[in-house]
Amino acid sequence: MQHLAVRRVAWGIVAGLGIVAWLFGLALRQIPGRTVDAGRPPAPERRGAATFERYCAACHQPQELAGRLVDPADAAEWVGFLGTHGRAPLADDLAIVGWLVENRGREP
């Protein structure tokens, strides 16, 4: 009788783990940004472009600023500069600098 109870508990654990693995697989398929459409830029790039338009485009061209970002130290200096220069919060400053770094040498 004990063997039957142990077997049932073991099968219950195996079935439970199988269900958890299946649910985990379903959850992974729902992660946003996991795949990117070919014609649509990823979300951070869209956010950086929109944030640049909101805070910077009235006075600056992207090529003008992106040309000054030569190495990562320049990007860090720009984030510090934007903290004193603009009105954007830090998260938006980071998005702007990230977008400028990613788009160096590209025409908008």
N, C-alpha and C. Protein backbone atom coordinates (compact mmCIF):
# COMPACT_ATOMS: atom_id res chain seq x y z
N MET A 1 0.80 -1.18 0.00
CA MET A 1 0.00 0.00 0.00
C MET A 1 0.86 1.26 0.00
N GLN A 2 1.96 1.25 0.74
CA GLN A 2 2.84 2.41 0.78
C GLN A 2 3.46 2.67 -0.58
N HIS A 3 3.80 1.59 -1.30
CA HIS A 3 4.41 1.75 -2.61
C HIS A 3 3.46 2.46 -3.57
N LEU A 4 2.20 2.16 -3.48
CA LEU A 4 1.20 2.79 -4.33
C LEU A 4 1.11 4.30 -4.02
N ALA A 5 1.13 4.64 -2.74
CA ALA A 5 1.07 6.05 -2.34
C ALA A 5 2.32 6.80 -2.80
N VAL A 6 3.48 6.19 -2.67
CA VAL A 6 4.73 6.82 -3.10
C VAL A 6 4.71 7.02 -4.61
N ARG A 7 4.22 6.02 -5.33
CA ARG A 7 4.16 6.12 -6.78
C ARG A 7 3.22 7.26 -7.21
N ARG A 8 2.10 7.38 -6.56
CA ARG A 8 1.16 8.44 -6.88
C ARG A 8 1.74 9.82 -6.58
N VAL A 9 2.43 9.95 -5.48
CA VAL A 9 3.06 11.22 -5.14
C VAL A 9 4.14 11.55 -6.18
N ALA A 10 4.94 10.58 -6.57
CA ALA A 10 6.00 10.80 -7.56
C ALA A 10 5.39 11.24 -8.89
N TRP A 11 4.33 10.57 -9.33
CA TRP A 11 3.69 10.95 -10.59
C TRP A 11 3.06 12.34 -10.47
N GLY A 12 2.56 12.68 -9.32
CA GLY A 12 1.99 14.02 -9.11
C GLY A 12 3.07 15.10 -9.22
N ILE A 13 4.24 14.80 -8.65
CA ILE A 13 5.35 15.75 -8.74
C ILE A 13 5.80 15.90 -10.19
N VAL A 14 5.93 14.79 -10.91
CA VAL A 14 6.35 14.84 -12.31
C VAL A 14 5.33 15.62 -13.14
N ALA A 15 4.05 15.36 -12.92
CA ALA A 15 3.00 16.07 -13.66
C ALA A 15 3.04 17.56 -13.32
N GLY A 16 3.22 17.89 -12.06
CA GLY A 16 3.30 19.29 -11.65
C GLY A 16 4.48 20.01 -12.29
N LEU A 17 5.64 19.34 -12.32
CA LEU A 17 6.81 19.95 -12.97
C LEU A 17 6.58 20.13 -14.47
N GLY A 18 5.91 19.18 -15.08
CA GLY A 18 5.61 19.30 -16.51
C GLY A 18 4.71 20.49 -16.78
N ILE A 19 3.72 20.69 -15.95
CA ILE A 19 2.81 21.82 -16.11
C ILE A 19 3.55 23.13 -15.89
N VAL A 20 4.42 23.19 -14.88
CA VAL A 20 5.20 24.40 -14.63
C VAL A 20 6.10 24.70 -15.82
N ALA A 21 6.76 23.68 -16.39
CA ALA A 21 7.62 23.89 -17.55
C ALA A 21 6.80 24.40 -18.75
N TRP A 22 5.64 23.86 -18.95
CA TRP A 22 4.77 24.29 -20.05
C TRP A 22 4.35 25.76 -19.85
N LEU A 23 3.96 26.13 -18.64
CA LEU A 23 3.57 27.50 -18.35
C LEU A 23 4.76 28.46 -18.51
N PHE A 24 5.95 28.01 -18.12
CA PHE A 24 7.15 28.83 -18.29
C PHE A 24 7.41 29.08 -19.77
N GLY A 25 7.24 28.06 -20.60
CA GLY A 25 7.40 28.22 -22.04
C GLY A 25 6.40 29.22 -22.61
N LEU A 26 5.17 29.16 -22.15
CA LEU A 26 4.16 30.12 -22.59
C LEU A 26 4.53 31.54 -22.16
N ALA A 27 5.04 31.67 -20.95
CA ALA A 27 5.41 32.99 -20.44
C ALA A 27 6.56 33.58 -21.26
N LEU A 28 7.53 32.76 -21.65
CA LEU A 28 8.65 33.24 -22.45
C LEU A 28 8.19 33.77 -23.81
N ARG A 29 7.17 33.18 -24.36
CA ARG A 29 6.66 33.63 -25.66
C ARG A 29 6.00 34.99 -25.56
N GLN A 30 5.60 35.41 -24.35
CA GLN A 30 4.89 36.66 -24.16
C GLN A 30 5.80 37.83 -23.82
N ILE A 31 7.12 37.62 -23.71
CA ILE A 31 8.03 38.68 -23.33
C ILE A 31 8.11 39.71 -24.45
N PRO A 32 7.80 40.98 -24.16
CA PRO A 32 7.88 42.00 -25.21
C PRO A 32 9.33 42.25 -25.61
N GLY A 33 9.52 42.56 -26.89
CA GLY A 33 10.85 42.85 -27.39
C GLY A 33 11.69 41.63 -27.69
N ARG A 34 11.13 40.44 -27.51
CA ARG A 34 11.90 39.22 -27.75
C ARG A 34 12.21 39.06 -29.23
N THR A 35 11.28 39.44 -30.09
CA THR A 35 11.51 39.46 -31.52
C THR A 35 11.19 40.85 -32.03
N VAL A 36 11.86 41.25 -33.08
CA VAL A 36 11.66 42.60 -33.62
C VAL A 36 11.22 42.47 -35.07
N ASP A 37 10.17 43.19 -35.42
CA ASP A 37 9.73 43.21 -36.81
C ASP A 37 10.81 43.87 -37.65
N ALA A 38 11.00 43.39 -38.87
CA ALA A 38 12.05 43.91 -39.73
C ALA A 38 11.86 45.38 -40.05
N GLY A 39 10.63 45.84 -40.20
CA GLY A 39 10.39 47.23 -40.58
C GLY A 39 10.23 48.18 -39.42
N ARG A 40 10.31 47.69 -38.22
CA ARG A 40 10.06 48.53 -37.06
C ARG A 40 11.27 48.52 -36.14
N PRO A 41 11.80 49.68 -35.76
CA PRO A 41 12.96 49.69 -34.87
C PRO A 41 12.57 49.22 -33.47
N PRO A 42 13.52 48.71 -32.72
CA PRO A 42 13.21 48.28 -31.35
C PRO A 42 12.76 49.45 -30.48
N ALA A 43 12.06 49.15 -29.42
CA ALA A 43 11.47 50.17 -28.56
C ALA A 43 12.46 51.20 -28.03
N PRO A 44 13.67 50.82 -27.55
CA PRO A 44 14.58 51.86 -27.04
C PRO A 44 14.96 52.88 -28.11
N GLU A 45 15.13 52.46 -29.36
CA GLU A 45 15.49 53.40 -30.41
C GLU A 45 14.33 54.36 -30.67
N ARG A 46 13.11 53.85 -30.71
CA ARG A 46 11.95 54.72 -30.91
C ARG A 46 11.84 55.71 -29.75
N ARG A 47 12.09 55.23 -28.53
CA ARG A 47 11.98 56.11 -27.36
C ARG A 47 13.05 57.19 -27.42
N GLY A 48 14.27 56.84 -27.79
CA GLY A 48 15.35 57.82 -27.87
C GLY A 48 15.05 58.88 -28.92
N ALA A 49 14.54 58.46 -30.07
CA ALA A 49 14.21 59.40 -31.14
C ALA A 49 13.09 60.34 -30.70
N ALA A 50 12.06 59.78 -30.09
CA ALA A 50 10.93 60.60 -29.64
C ALA A 50 11.36 61.57 -28.53
N THR A 51 12.22 61.10 -27.65
CA THR A 51 12.69 61.96 -26.56
C THR A 51 13.58 63.07 -27.10
N PHE A 52 14.42 62.75 -28.09
CA PHE A 52 15.24 63.79 -28.74
C PHE A 52 14.33 64.84 -29.37
N GLU A 53 13.31 64.39 -30.07
CA GLU A 53 12.38 65.34 -30.70
C GLU A 53 11.72 66.24 -29.65
N ARG A 54 11.37 65.65 -28.53
CA ARG A 54 10.66 66.41 -27.50
C ARG A 54 11.55 67.46 -26.84
N TYR A 55 12.79 67.09 -26.49
CA TYR A 55 13.62 67.98 -25.69
C TYR A 55 14.71 68.72 -26.47
N CYS A 56 15.17 68.17 -27.60
CA CYS A 56 16.39 68.70 -28.22
C CYS A 56 16.21 69.27 -29.62
N ALA A 57 15.25 68.75 -30.36
CA ALA A 57 15.17 69.04 -31.80
C ALA A 57 14.89 70.51 -32.11
N ALA A 58 14.34 71.23 -31.18
CA ALA A 58 14.06 72.64 -31.45
C ALA A 58 15.35 73.44 -31.65
N CYS A 59 16.44 73.01 -31.01
CA CYS A 59 17.69 73.75 -31.09
C CYS A 59 18.83 72.98 -31.75
N HIS A 60 18.74 71.64 -31.83
CA HIS A 60 19.87 70.83 -32.28
C HIS A 60 19.46 69.84 -33.35
N GLN A 61 20.42 69.49 -34.21
CA GLN A 61 20.25 68.42 -35.19
C GLN A 61 20.93 67.17 -34.64
N PRO A 62 20.36 65.99 -34.88
CA PRO A 62 20.98 64.76 -34.35
C PRO A 62 22.42 64.57 -34.83
N GLN A 63 22.69 64.86 -36.10
CA GLN A 63 24.04 64.66 -36.64
C GLN A 63 25.05 65.55 -35.92
N GLU A 64 24.63 66.75 -35.57
CA GLU A 64 25.50 67.70 -34.88
C GLU A 64 25.98 67.13 -33.55
N LEU A 65 25.05 66.55 -32.80
CA LEU A 65 25.40 66.02 -31.48
C LEU A 65 26.04 64.64 -31.56
N ALA A 66 25.56 63.80 -32.45
CA ALA A 66 26.09 62.44 -32.55
C ALA A 66 27.54 62.45 -33.01
N GLY A 67 27.92 63.44 -33.82
CA GLY A 67 29.30 63.53 -34.29
C GLY A 67 30.29 63.78 -33.17
N ARG A 68 29.82 64.31 -32.06
CA ARG A 68 30.69 64.59 -30.91
C ARG A 68 30.87 63.38 -29.99
N LEU A 69 30.11 62.33 -30.20
CA LEU A 69 30.19 61.13 -29.36
C LEU A 69 31.15 60.14 -30.00
N VAL A 70 32.42 60.24 -29.66
CA VAL A 70 33.43 59.41 -30.29
C VAL A 70 33.68 58.12 -29.50
N ASP A 71 33.71 58.20 -28.19
CA ASP A 71 33.94 56.99 -27.38
C ASP A 71 33.00 56.98 -26.18
N PRO A 72 32.96 55.88 -25.42
CA PRO A 72 32.03 55.78 -24.29
C PRO A 72 32.22 56.87 -23.24
N ALA A 73 33.44 57.35 -23.06
CA ALA A 73 33.64 58.43 -22.08
C ALA A 73 32.89 59.69 -22.51
N ASP A 74 32.83 59.92 -23.83
CA ASP A 74 32.06 61.07 -24.32
C ASP A 74 30.58 60.93 -23.97
N ALA A 75 30.07 59.72 -24.09
CA ALA A 75 28.66 59.48 -23.77
C ALA A 75 28.39 59.76 -22.30
N ALA A 76 29.31 59.33 -21.43
CA ALA A 76 29.14 59.59 -20.00
C ALA A 76 29.17 61.09 -19.71
N GLU A 77 30.06 61.82 -20.39
CA GLU A 77 30.11 63.27 -20.21
C GLU A 77 28.82 63.93 -20.69
N TRP A 78 28.26 63.43 -21.80
CA TRP A 78 27.02 63.99 -22.33
C TRP A 78 25.86 63.80 -21.37
N VAL A 79 25.80 62.63 -20.73
CA VAL A 79 24.72 62.41 -19.76
C VAL A 79 24.84 63.41 -18.62
N GLY A 80 26.06 63.63 -18.13
CA GLY A 80 26.27 64.63 -17.09
C GLY A 80 25.91 66.03 -17.55
N PHE A 81 26.30 66.37 -18.78
CA PHE A 81 25.98 67.68 -19.35
C PHE A 81 24.48 67.87 -19.48
N LEU A 82 23.79 66.85 -19.98
CA LEU A 82 22.34 66.98 -20.15
C LEU A 82 21.62 67.14 -18.82
N GLY A 83 22.22 66.62 -17.75
CA GLY A 83 21.62 66.80 -16.43
C GLY A 83 21.57 68.25 -16.00
N THR A 84 22.50 69.07 -16.53
CA THR A 84 22.51 70.49 -16.18
C THR A 84 21.96 71.36 -17.30
N HIS A 85 21.93 70.85 -18.52
CA HIS A 85 21.56 71.65 -19.69
C HIS A 85 20.07 71.61 -19.99
N GLY A 86 19.50 70.42 -19.98
CA GLY A 86 18.13 70.26 -20.44
C GLY A 86 17.13 70.17 -19.31
N ARG A 87 15.90 69.91 -19.70
CA ARG A 87 14.81 69.77 -18.73
C ARG A 87 14.40 68.32 -18.54
N ALA A 88 15.02 67.40 -19.26
CA ALA A 88 14.60 66.00 -19.24
C ALA A 88 15.08 65.30 -17.97
N PRO A 89 14.30 64.34 -17.48
CA PRO A 89 14.78 63.52 -16.37
C PRO A 89 15.93 62.62 -16.82
N LEU A 90 16.63 62.03 -15.87
CA LEU A 90 17.81 61.22 -16.17
C LEU A 90 17.50 60.08 -17.13
N ALA A 91 16.37 59.41 -16.96
CA ALA A 91 16.02 58.29 -17.85
C ALA A 91 15.91 58.76 -19.29
N ASP A 92 15.36 59.94 -19.50
CA ASP A 92 15.26 60.49 -20.85
C ASP A 92 16.62 60.91 -21.38
N ASP A 93 17.47 61.48 -20.50
CA ASP A 93 18.84 61.82 -20.93
C ASP A 93 19.58 60.57 -21.40
N LEU A 94 19.44 59.48 -20.67
CA LEU A 94 20.09 58.23 -21.06
C LEU A 94 19.55 57.72 -22.40
N ALA A 95 18.24 57.84 -22.60
CA ALA A 95 17.64 57.40 -23.87
C ALA A 95 18.15 58.25 -25.03
N ILE A 96 18.28 59.54 -24.81
CA ILE A 96 18.77 60.44 -25.87
C ILE A 96 20.20 60.09 -26.24
N VAL A 97 21.07 59.97 -25.24
CA VAL A 97 22.48 59.67 -25.51
C VAL A 97 22.61 58.29 -26.14
N GLY A 98 21.87 57.33 -25.65
CA GLY A 98 21.90 55.99 -26.25
C GLY A 98 21.48 56.01 -27.70
N TRP A 99 20.45 56.76 -28.00
CA TRP A 99 19.98 56.87 -29.39
C TRP A 99 21.01 57.56 -30.26
N LEU A 100 21.63 58.61 -29.74
CA LEU A 100 22.67 59.31 -30.51
C LEU A 100 23.86 58.40 -30.78
N VAL A 101 24.27 57.62 -29.79
CA VAL A 101 25.40 56.70 -29.97
C VAL A 101 25.05 55.65 -31.02
N GLU A 102 23.86 55.10 -30.95
CA GLU A 102 23.45 54.06 -31.90
C GLU A 102 23.32 54.60 -33.32
N ASN A 103 23.04 55.87 -33.47
CA ASN A 103 22.77 56.44 -34.78
C ASN A 103 23.90 57.32 -35.30
N ARG A 104 25.09 57.21 -34.71
CA ARG A 104 26.25 57.97 -35.24
C ARG A 104 26.49 57.57 -36.69
N GLY A 105 26.67 58.53 -37.51
CA GLY A 105 27.00 58.26 -38.92
C GLY A 105 25.81 57.94 -39.79
N ARG A 106 24.62 57.82 -39.22
CA ARG A 106 23.41 57.56 -40.00
C ARG A 106 22.66 58.85 -40.23
N GLU A 107 22.02 58.92 -41.36
CA GLU A 107 21.15 60.05 -41.62
C GLU A 107 19.79 59.75 -41.00
N PRO A 108 19.14 60.73 -40.37
CA PRO A 108 17.83 60.47 -39.74
C PRO A 108 16.76 60.24 -40.77
